[in-house]
N, C-alpha and C. Protein backbone atom coordinates (compact mmCIF):
# COMPACT_ATOMS: atom_id res chain seq x y z
N MET A 1 101.92 -63.38 238.35
CA MET A 1 101.44 -62.07 237.96
C MET A 1 101.39 -61.20 239.20
N SER A 2 101.84 -59.98 239.09
CA SER A 2 101.81 -59.10 240.25
C SER A 2 100.39 -58.66 240.53
N ALA A 3 100.16 -58.33 241.77
CA ALA A 3 98.81 -57.91 242.17
C ALA A 3 98.41 -56.66 241.39
N SER A 4 97.18 -56.64 240.99
CA SER A 4 96.66 -55.54 240.20
C SER A 4 95.49 -54.92 240.94
N LEU A 5 95.34 -53.61 240.77
CA LEU A 5 94.20 -52.95 241.40
C LEU A 5 92.92 -53.23 240.62
N ASN A 6 93.06 -53.56 239.35
CA ASN A 6 91.90 -53.83 238.51
C ASN A 6 91.78 -55.32 238.26
N PRO A 7 90.60 -55.88 238.48
CA PRO A 7 90.42 -57.29 238.19
C PRO A 7 90.59 -57.54 236.70
N LEU A 8 91.05 -58.74 236.36
CA LEU A 8 91.19 -59.14 234.97
C LEU A 8 89.85 -59.62 234.42
N THR A 9 89.68 -59.47 233.14
CA THR A 9 88.55 -60.13 232.49
C THR A 9 89.00 -61.54 232.15
N LEU A 10 88.06 -62.40 231.80
CA LEU A 10 88.40 -63.76 231.41
C LEU A 10 89.33 -63.75 230.21
N ASP A 11 89.03 -62.94 229.20
CA ASP A 11 89.89 -62.89 228.01
C ASP A 11 91.28 -62.38 228.33
N GLU A 12 91.39 -61.38 229.20
CA GLU A 12 92.71 -60.88 229.60
C GLU A 12 93.50 -61.97 230.31
N PHE A 13 92.83 -62.71 231.19
CA PHE A 13 93.51 -63.81 231.87
C PHE A 13 94.00 -64.85 230.87
N LEU A 14 93.13 -65.28 229.95
CA LEU A 14 93.51 -66.32 228.98
C LEU A 14 94.70 -65.87 228.15
N ASP A 15 94.72 -64.64 227.70
CA ASP A 15 95.86 -64.12 226.93
C ASP A 15 97.13 -64.14 227.77
N TRP A 16 97.03 -63.69 229.01
CA TRP A 16 98.19 -63.66 229.89
C TRP A 16 98.68 -65.07 230.22
N GLU A 17 97.77 -65.95 230.61
CA GLU A 17 98.15 -67.28 231.09
C GLU A 17 98.81 -68.11 229.99
N ARG A 18 98.39 -67.95 228.78
CA ARG A 18 98.97 -68.72 227.66
C ARG A 18 100.41 -68.35 227.40
N SER A 19 100.87 -67.21 227.91
CA SER A 19 102.27 -66.82 227.73
C SER A 19 103.14 -67.20 228.93
N GLN A 20 102.55 -67.87 229.92
CA GLN A 20 103.28 -68.24 231.13
C GLN A 20 103.81 -69.67 231.02
N GLN A 21 104.92 -69.95 231.69
CA GLN A 21 105.44 -71.31 231.72
C GLN A 21 104.65 -72.16 232.72
N GLU A 22 104.22 -71.57 233.81
CA GLU A 22 103.44 -72.28 234.81
C GLU A 22 101.96 -72.19 234.46
N ARG A 23 101.17 -73.06 235.10
CA ARG A 23 99.73 -73.03 234.91
C ARG A 23 99.08 -72.26 236.05
N TYR A 24 98.00 -71.56 235.69
CA TYR A 24 97.23 -70.79 236.65
C TYR A 24 95.76 -71.06 236.42
N GLU A 25 95.00 -71.16 237.51
CA GLU A 25 93.55 -71.12 237.40
C GLU A 25 93.16 -69.66 237.54
N PHE A 26 91.90 -69.37 237.22
CA PHE A 26 91.40 -68.00 237.31
C PHE A 26 90.17 -68.00 238.18
N ASP A 27 90.19 -67.20 239.25
CA ASP A 27 89.08 -67.19 240.21
C ASP A 27 88.01 -66.16 239.87
N GLY A 28 88.07 -65.59 238.68
CA GLY A 28 87.11 -64.59 238.27
C GLY A 28 87.62 -63.18 238.46
N ILE A 29 88.74 -63.04 239.17
CA ILE A 29 89.34 -61.73 239.43
C ILE A 29 90.82 -61.72 239.07
N GLN A 30 91.52 -62.77 239.54
CA GLN A 30 92.97 -62.80 239.38
C GLN A 30 93.46 -64.23 239.18
N PRO A 31 94.69 -64.39 238.69
CA PRO A 31 95.28 -65.72 238.53
C PRO A 31 95.57 -66.35 239.90
N VAL A 32 95.45 -67.67 239.94
CA VAL A 32 95.78 -68.44 241.14
C VAL A 32 96.77 -69.52 240.69
N ALA A 33 97.99 -69.47 241.21
CA ALA A 33 99.03 -70.41 240.79
C ALA A 33 98.65 -71.83 241.15
N MET A 34 98.90 -72.74 240.22
CA MET A 34 98.69 -74.17 240.47
C MET A 34 99.93 -74.67 241.22
N THR A 35 99.69 -75.35 242.32
CA THR A 35 100.81 -75.86 243.11
C THR A 35 101.08 -77.31 242.76
N GLY A 36 102.22 -77.79 243.16
CA GLY A 36 102.57 -79.18 242.91
C GLY A 36 101.72 -80.11 243.76
N GLY A 37 101.58 -81.32 243.30
CA GLY A 37 100.78 -82.31 244.02
C GLY A 37 101.65 -83.27 244.79
N SER A 38 101.00 -84.18 245.46
CA SER A 38 101.71 -85.20 246.23
C SER A 38 101.73 -86.51 245.43
N ARG A 39 102.54 -87.43 245.88
CA ARG A 39 102.60 -88.74 245.22
C ARG A 39 101.23 -89.44 245.28
N PRO A 40 100.53 -89.48 246.43
CA PRO A 40 99.20 -90.12 246.44
C PRO A 40 98.22 -89.43 245.49
N HIS A 41 98.26 -88.11 245.42
CA HIS A 41 97.38 -87.37 244.50
C HIS A 41 97.66 -87.77 243.06
N SER A 42 98.91 -87.78 242.69
CA SER A 42 99.30 -88.14 241.33
C SER A 42 98.96 -89.60 241.01
N ARG A 43 99.16 -90.47 241.99
CA ARG A 43 98.86 -91.90 241.80
C ARG A 43 97.38 -92.10 241.48
N VAL A 44 96.51 -91.50 242.26
CA VAL A 44 95.06 -91.64 242.04
C VAL A 44 94.68 -91.04 240.68
N GLY A 45 95.17 -89.85 240.38
CA GLY A 45 94.86 -89.22 239.11
C GLY A 45 95.34 -90.02 237.91
N THR A 46 96.56 -90.53 237.98
CA THR A 46 97.11 -91.32 236.88
C THR A 46 96.34 -92.62 236.69
N ARG A 47 96.04 -93.30 237.78
CA ARG A 47 95.26 -94.54 237.68
C ARG A 47 93.88 -94.28 237.09
N LEU A 48 93.28 -93.14 237.43
CA LEU A 48 91.97 -92.82 236.89
C LEU A 48 92.04 -92.54 235.39
N VAL A 49 93.07 -91.82 234.95
CA VAL A 49 93.25 -91.57 233.51
C VAL A 49 93.37 -92.90 232.77
N VAL A 50 94.19 -93.80 233.28
CA VAL A 50 94.37 -95.11 232.63
C VAL A 50 93.07 -95.89 232.63
N ALA A 51 92.36 -95.89 233.75
CA ALA A 51 91.10 -96.63 233.84
C ALA A 51 90.09 -96.12 232.82
N PHE A 52 89.94 -94.81 232.72
CA PHE A 52 89.03 -94.25 231.73
C PHE A 52 89.49 -94.57 230.32
N ALA A 53 90.79 -94.41 230.06
CA ALA A 53 91.32 -94.65 228.71
C ALA A 53 91.05 -96.08 228.26
N ASN A 54 91.04 -97.02 229.20
CA ASN A 54 90.78 -98.42 228.87
C ASN A 54 89.29 -98.75 228.78
N ARG A 55 88.42 -97.78 229.10
CA ARG A 55 86.99 -98.10 229.16
C ARG A 55 86.10 -97.23 228.26
N VAL A 56 86.49 -96.01 227.99
CA VAL A 56 85.63 -95.17 227.16
C VAL A 56 85.89 -95.45 225.69
N THR A 57 84.87 -95.27 224.90
CA THR A 57 84.98 -95.50 223.46
C THR A 57 84.65 -94.21 222.72
N PRO A 58 85.17 -94.08 221.50
CA PRO A 58 84.89 -92.87 220.73
C PRO A 58 83.39 -92.66 220.59
N PRO A 59 82.96 -91.44 220.68
CA PRO A 59 83.76 -90.23 220.54
C PRO A 59 84.39 -89.74 221.84
N CYS A 60 84.23 -90.48 222.94
CA CYS A 60 84.79 -90.02 224.21
C CYS A 60 86.31 -90.17 224.24
N GLU A 61 86.96 -89.20 224.88
CA GLU A 61 88.40 -89.22 225.10
C GLU A 61 88.68 -88.78 226.54
N VAL A 62 89.77 -89.28 227.11
CA VAL A 62 90.15 -88.91 228.46
C VAL A 62 91.38 -88.00 228.40
N PHE A 63 91.41 -87.02 229.32
CA PHE A 63 92.52 -86.08 229.40
C PHE A 63 92.95 -85.90 230.85
N GLY A 64 94.25 -85.66 231.03
CA GLY A 64 94.79 -85.34 232.34
C GLY A 64 94.62 -83.86 232.64
N PRO A 65 95.45 -83.33 233.53
CA PRO A 65 95.23 -81.97 234.05
C PRO A 65 95.81 -80.83 233.22
N ASP A 66 95.93 -81.02 231.91
CA ASP A 66 96.59 -80.00 231.10
C ASP A 66 95.65 -79.10 230.31
N LEU A 67 94.36 -79.37 230.34
CA LEU A 67 93.42 -78.60 229.53
C LEU A 67 92.44 -77.83 230.42
N LYS A 68 92.04 -76.68 229.92
CA LYS A 68 91.19 -75.77 230.69
C LYS A 68 89.71 -76.07 230.50
N VAL A 69 88.94 -75.81 231.55
CA VAL A 69 87.49 -75.80 231.50
C VAL A 69 87.05 -74.41 231.94
N ILE A 70 86.25 -73.76 231.10
CA ILE A 70 85.71 -72.45 231.46
C ILE A 70 84.41 -72.70 232.20
N THR A 71 84.34 -72.19 233.43
CA THR A 71 83.11 -72.32 234.21
C THR A 71 82.42 -70.97 234.22
N THR A 72 81.91 -70.53 235.31
CA THR A 72 81.17 -69.27 235.41
C THR A 72 82.14 -68.09 235.47
N GLY A 73 82.78 -67.78 234.34
CA GLY A 73 83.75 -66.70 234.29
C GLY A 73 85.06 -67.04 234.96
N ARG A 74 85.27 -68.31 235.18
CA ARG A 74 86.49 -68.79 235.84
C ARG A 74 87.15 -69.84 234.96
N VAL A 75 88.40 -70.16 235.27
CA VAL A 75 89.13 -71.17 234.51
C VAL A 75 89.64 -72.21 235.48
N ARG A 76 89.36 -73.46 235.19
CA ARG A 76 89.80 -74.58 236.03
C ARG A 76 90.58 -75.59 235.19
N TYR A 77 91.47 -76.30 235.85
CA TYR A 77 92.22 -77.41 235.27
C TYR A 77 91.84 -78.67 236.05
N PRO A 78 90.80 -79.39 235.66
CA PRO A 78 90.46 -80.61 236.40
C PRO A 78 91.60 -81.63 236.34
N ASP A 79 91.70 -82.45 237.36
CA ASP A 79 92.74 -83.49 237.38
C ASP A 79 92.53 -84.49 236.26
N VAL A 80 91.28 -84.84 235.99
CA VAL A 80 90.93 -85.78 234.91
C VAL A 80 89.62 -85.30 234.29
N SER A 81 89.53 -85.39 232.96
CA SER A 81 88.31 -85.03 232.25
C SER A 81 88.02 -86.07 231.18
N VAL A 82 86.74 -86.30 230.93
CA VAL A 82 86.31 -87.12 229.81
C VAL A 82 85.47 -86.22 228.91
N VAL A 83 85.87 -86.11 227.66
CA VAL A 83 85.18 -85.28 226.67
C VAL A 83 84.52 -86.22 225.67
N CYS A 84 83.23 -86.04 225.44
CA CYS A 84 82.48 -86.92 224.53
C CYS A 84 81.86 -86.17 223.37
N ALA A 85 82.33 -84.98 223.09
CA ALA A 85 81.81 -84.19 221.97
C ALA A 85 82.99 -83.79 221.08
N ALA A 86 82.70 -83.51 219.85
CA ALA A 86 83.74 -83.04 218.94
C ALA A 86 84.37 -81.79 219.52
N SER A 87 85.67 -81.67 219.34
CA SER A 87 86.36 -80.50 219.88
C SER A 87 87.48 -80.08 218.93
N ASP A 88 87.97 -78.90 219.17
CA ASP A 88 89.02 -78.30 218.35
C ASP A 88 90.38 -78.71 218.90
N ASP A 89 91.13 -79.49 218.13
CA ASP A 89 92.45 -79.93 218.58
C ASP A 89 93.43 -78.76 218.76
N GLY A 90 93.12 -77.61 218.19
CA GLY A 90 93.99 -76.45 218.32
C GLY A 90 93.71 -75.63 219.56
N SER A 91 92.71 -76.03 220.34
CA SER A 91 92.32 -75.27 221.52
C SER A 91 92.80 -75.94 222.80
N ASP A 92 93.12 -75.15 223.80
CA ASP A 92 93.47 -75.69 225.12
C ASP A 92 92.28 -75.66 226.06
N ILE A 93 91.08 -75.39 225.52
CA ILE A 93 89.84 -75.36 226.30
C ILE A 93 88.97 -76.52 225.87
N ILE A 94 88.41 -77.25 226.85
CA ILE A 94 87.53 -78.38 226.56
C ILE A 94 86.16 -78.16 227.18
N GLU A 95 85.18 -78.89 226.66
CA GLU A 95 83.83 -78.93 227.23
C GLU A 95 83.58 -80.38 227.63
N PRO A 96 83.97 -80.75 228.84
CA PRO A 96 83.92 -82.15 229.25
C PRO A 96 82.52 -82.64 229.59
N THR A 97 82.38 -83.96 229.55
CA THR A 97 81.16 -84.63 229.99
C THR A 97 81.31 -85.04 231.45
N VAL A 98 82.53 -85.43 231.83
CA VAL A 98 82.84 -85.81 233.22
C VAL A 98 84.09 -85.06 233.64
N VAL A 99 84.07 -84.50 234.85
CA VAL A 99 85.27 -83.89 235.43
C VAL A 99 85.55 -84.55 236.77
N CYS A 100 86.85 -84.67 237.08
CA CYS A 100 87.28 -85.33 238.31
C CYS A 100 88.34 -84.49 239.00
N GLU A 101 88.20 -84.37 240.30
CA GLU A 101 89.21 -83.70 241.12
C GLU A 101 89.64 -84.65 242.22
N VAL A 102 90.95 -84.76 242.42
CA VAL A 102 91.51 -85.53 243.53
C VAL A 102 91.78 -84.53 244.64
N VAL A 103 91.15 -84.73 245.80
CA VAL A 103 91.23 -83.73 246.87
C VAL A 103 92.39 -84.00 247.82
N SER A 104 92.86 -82.91 248.39
CA SER A 104 93.83 -82.97 249.47
C SER A 104 93.31 -82.05 250.56
N ALA A 105 93.99 -82.02 251.68
CA ALA A 105 93.54 -81.16 252.78
C ALA A 105 93.48 -79.70 252.34
N SER A 106 94.44 -79.27 251.52
CA SER A 106 94.49 -77.86 251.12
C SER A 106 93.47 -77.50 250.03
N THR A 107 92.94 -78.48 249.28
CA THR A 107 92.02 -78.17 248.19
C THR A 107 90.59 -78.64 248.46
N ALA A 108 90.37 -79.35 249.54
CA ALA A 108 89.07 -80.00 249.78
C ALA A 108 87.90 -79.03 249.75
N LEU A 109 87.99 -77.92 250.43
CA LEU A 109 86.87 -76.98 250.48
C LEU A 109 86.55 -76.44 249.08
N THR A 110 87.56 -76.03 248.36
CA THR A 110 87.35 -75.51 247.00
C THR A 110 86.78 -76.61 246.10
N ASP A 111 87.36 -77.79 246.15
CA ASP A 111 86.91 -78.89 245.28
C ASP A 111 85.48 -79.31 245.60
N ARG A 112 85.13 -79.41 246.87
CA ARG A 112 83.81 -79.91 247.27
C ARG A 112 82.70 -78.87 247.11
N ARG A 113 83.01 -77.62 247.34
CA ARG A 113 81.95 -76.61 247.33
C ARG A 113 82.03 -75.67 246.13
N VAL A 114 83.14 -74.96 246.00
CA VAL A 114 83.25 -73.94 244.96
C VAL A 114 83.22 -74.57 243.56
N LYS A 115 84.09 -75.54 243.33
CA LYS A 115 84.14 -76.16 242.01
C LYS A 115 82.86 -76.93 241.71
N ALA A 116 82.24 -77.51 242.71
CA ALA A 116 80.98 -78.22 242.48
C ALA A 116 79.94 -77.27 241.89
N ILE A 117 79.82 -76.09 242.45
CA ILE A 117 78.87 -75.10 241.94
C ILE A 117 79.26 -74.67 240.53
N GLU A 118 80.55 -74.42 240.33
CA GLU A 118 81.01 -73.99 239.01
C GLU A 118 80.76 -75.07 237.96
N TYR A 119 81.13 -76.30 238.24
CA TYR A 119 80.97 -77.38 237.27
C TYR A 119 79.50 -77.66 236.97
N GLU A 120 78.64 -77.53 237.97
CA GLU A 120 77.21 -77.74 237.75
C GLU A 120 76.64 -76.73 236.75
N ALA A 121 77.26 -75.57 236.64
CA ALA A 121 76.78 -74.54 235.72
C ALA A 121 77.24 -74.75 234.27
N VAL A 122 78.11 -75.73 234.04
CA VAL A 122 78.61 -76.01 232.68
C VAL A 122 77.67 -77.04 232.04
N PRO A 123 76.95 -76.66 230.99
CA PRO A 123 75.93 -77.56 230.41
C PRO A 123 76.44 -78.92 229.95
N SER A 124 77.67 -79.00 229.49
CA SER A 124 78.18 -80.29 228.98
C SER A 124 78.50 -81.29 230.08
N ILE A 125 78.71 -80.82 231.32
CA ILE A 125 79.14 -81.71 232.40
C ILE A 125 77.94 -82.47 232.96
N LEU A 126 78.02 -83.80 232.86
CA LEU A 126 76.96 -84.67 233.36
C LEU A 126 77.31 -85.29 234.71
N ALA A 127 78.61 -85.35 235.04
CA ALA A 127 79.03 -85.92 236.32
C ALA A 127 80.30 -85.24 236.81
N TYR A 128 80.35 -85.02 238.10
CA TYR A 128 81.53 -84.45 238.76
C TYR A 128 81.95 -85.43 239.85
N LEU A 129 83.20 -85.93 239.76
CA LEU A 129 83.72 -86.89 240.72
C LEU A 129 84.76 -86.22 241.60
N VAL A 130 84.64 -86.42 242.90
CA VAL A 130 85.63 -85.96 243.86
C VAL A 130 86.24 -87.20 244.50
N LEU A 131 87.52 -87.40 244.26
CA LEU A 131 88.22 -88.60 244.73
C LEU A 131 89.12 -88.26 245.91
N GLU A 132 89.02 -89.06 246.96
CA GLU A 132 89.94 -88.91 248.08
C GLU A 132 91.29 -89.48 247.65
N GLN A 133 92.36 -88.88 248.12
CA GLN A 133 93.68 -89.40 247.76
C GLN A 133 94.23 -90.38 248.79
N ASP A 134 93.64 -90.39 249.99
CA ASP A 134 94.20 -91.19 251.07
C ASP A 134 93.33 -92.38 251.48
N ARG A 135 92.21 -92.58 250.80
CA ARG A 135 91.34 -93.72 251.10
C ARG A 135 90.42 -93.96 249.91
N PRO A 136 89.92 -95.17 249.73
CA PRO A 136 89.05 -95.46 248.59
C PRO A 136 87.63 -94.92 248.78
N GLN A 137 87.48 -93.67 248.39
CA GLN A 137 86.17 -93.02 248.48
C GLN A 137 86.03 -92.01 247.36
N VAL A 138 84.90 -92.09 246.65
CA VAL A 138 84.61 -91.17 245.56
C VAL A 138 83.19 -90.64 245.75
N THR A 139 83.05 -89.33 245.67
CA THR A 139 81.73 -88.71 245.68
C THR A 139 81.39 -88.36 244.24
N ILE A 140 80.24 -88.84 243.77
CA ILE A 140 79.80 -88.58 242.41
C ILE A 140 78.57 -87.68 242.48
N ARG A 141 78.65 -86.56 241.79
CA ARG A 141 77.51 -85.66 241.65
C ARG A 141 77.07 -85.76 240.19
N ARG A 142 75.79 -86.10 239.98
CA ARG A 142 75.28 -86.31 238.63
C ARG A 142 74.20 -85.30 238.29
N ARG A 143 74.27 -84.79 237.07
CA ARG A 143 73.25 -83.85 236.60
C ARG A 143 71.88 -84.53 236.58
N SER A 144 71.82 -85.79 236.16
CA SER A 144 70.53 -86.48 236.03
C SER A 144 69.81 -86.68 237.36
N ALA A 145 70.51 -86.56 238.45
CA ALA A 145 69.90 -86.72 239.77
C ALA A 145 69.83 -85.38 240.50
N ALA A 146 69.64 -84.30 239.72
CA ALA A 146 69.58 -82.95 240.29
C ALA A 146 70.80 -82.67 241.16
N TRP A 147 71.94 -83.18 240.73
CA TRP A 147 73.23 -82.98 241.39
C TRP A 147 73.26 -83.55 242.81
N ALA A 148 72.46 -84.55 243.06
CA ALA A 148 72.54 -85.23 244.36
C ALA A 148 73.85 -86.01 244.43
N ALA A 149 74.42 -86.06 245.60
CA ALA A 149 75.70 -86.74 245.77
C ALA A 149 75.51 -88.20 246.12
N GLU A 150 76.30 -89.03 245.49
CA GLU A 150 76.37 -90.46 245.79
C GLU A 150 77.81 -90.74 246.21
N VAL A 151 78.00 -91.43 247.31
CA VAL A 151 79.35 -91.74 247.79
C VAL A 151 79.61 -93.23 247.59
N VAL A 152 80.71 -93.52 246.93
CA VAL A 152 81.15 -94.90 246.73
C VAL A 152 82.39 -95.09 247.60
N THR A 153 82.31 -96.02 248.53
CA THR A 153 83.38 -96.24 249.49
C THR A 153 83.76 -97.71 249.52
N GLY A 154 85.05 -97.96 249.54
CA GLY A 154 85.54 -99.33 249.71
C GLY A 154 86.21 -99.88 248.47
N ILE A 155 87.24 -100.62 248.69
CA ILE A 155 88.07 -101.16 247.62
C ILE A 155 87.30 -102.18 246.76
N GLY A 156 86.26 -102.80 247.31
CA GLY A 156 85.50 -103.80 246.56
C GLY A 156 84.35 -103.25 245.77
N GLU A 157 84.14 -101.93 245.81
CA GLU A 157 83.01 -101.30 245.11
C GLU A 157 83.39 -100.91 243.68
N THR A 158 82.40 -100.45 242.93
CA THR A 158 82.60 -100.06 241.53
C THR A 158 81.97 -98.70 241.27
N LEU A 159 82.70 -97.85 240.53
CA LEU A 159 82.15 -96.58 240.06
C LEU A 159 81.40 -96.86 238.78
N ASN A 160 80.13 -96.53 238.75
CA ASN A 160 79.32 -96.72 237.55
C ASN A 160 78.99 -95.37 236.95
N LEU A 161 79.41 -95.19 235.70
CA LEU A 161 79.18 -93.94 234.99
C LEU A 161 78.47 -94.24 233.68
N PRO A 162 77.16 -94.49 233.74
CA PRO A 162 76.42 -94.88 232.54
C PRO A 162 76.40 -93.82 231.45
N ASP A 163 76.55 -92.55 231.80
CA ASP A 163 76.53 -91.50 230.79
C ASP A 163 77.67 -91.63 229.78
N ILE A 164 78.76 -92.28 230.20
CA ILE A 164 79.88 -92.48 229.28
C ILE A 164 80.17 -93.97 229.08
N GLY A 165 79.29 -94.82 229.58
CA GLY A 165 79.44 -96.26 229.38
C GLY A 165 80.64 -96.86 230.07
N ALA A 166 80.97 -96.38 231.25
CA ALA A 166 82.15 -96.88 231.96
C ALA A 166 81.81 -97.33 233.38
N SER A 167 82.40 -98.43 233.77
CA SER A 167 82.37 -98.92 235.16
C SER A 167 83.81 -99.19 235.55
N ILE A 168 84.21 -98.64 236.69
CA ILE A 168 85.60 -98.77 237.12
C ILE A 168 85.63 -99.32 238.54
N PRO A 169 86.25 -100.48 238.73
CA PRO A 169 86.41 -101.00 240.09
C PRO A 169 87.28 -100.02 240.92
N MET A 170 86.88 -99.82 242.14
CA MET A 170 87.67 -98.94 243.02
C MET A 170 89.08 -99.47 243.19
N SER A 171 89.27 -100.76 243.13
CA SER A 171 90.61 -101.34 243.25
C SER A 171 91.51 -100.90 242.11
N THR A 172 90.95 -100.58 240.96
CA THR A 172 91.73 -100.11 239.82
C THR A 172 92.31 -98.72 240.12
N ILE A 173 91.57 -97.93 240.85
CA ILE A 173 92.00 -96.56 241.17
C ILE A 173 92.89 -96.53 242.41
N TYR A 174 92.52 -97.34 243.42
CA TYR A 174 93.20 -97.24 244.71
C TYR A 174 94.14 -98.40 245.00
N GLY A 175 94.25 -99.37 244.10
CA GLY A 175 95.09 -100.53 244.38
C GLY A 175 94.35 -101.52 245.24
N THR A 176 94.97 -102.64 245.47
CA THR A 176 94.31 -103.70 246.24
C THR A 176 94.78 -103.77 247.67
N THR A 177 95.68 -102.86 248.07
CA THR A 177 96.14 -102.89 249.45
C THR A 177 95.68 -101.68 250.20
């Protein structure tokens, strides 16, 4: 989208973005193009989708990075989401229970700070996971702990997500080597 002198509203962005071939997030003012990821980023995200899919039970469902989450007047595409409430199959917007972002050097600041604040403001989100792509480390922020951060590090550790009844060995996400 070409630069505009007038900021877009959320509804204007959603109408515009749905007619685009590429995906865009919305920063509250203008579209932000989604860039391609790396092989390590995709590997961690894909393994996490599979791990959740093998562990969550209905009504929970796991989704990859194709569905939108509306935050505080912004639009995000989390790398992985778990939705545990009834939803409209005709909508591209979800209200997740868990959101996950795989960080890279270029997205770390936004993922750790900006998105953390945005996701904390979404009532349905009970946990926000930030996964490193280059080492076995996950930061979990939980609503039940006043959004205090817990860091799980090491291939022999386990991610415990009692809100959705899932425990995932770090080796499942990061491999055994």
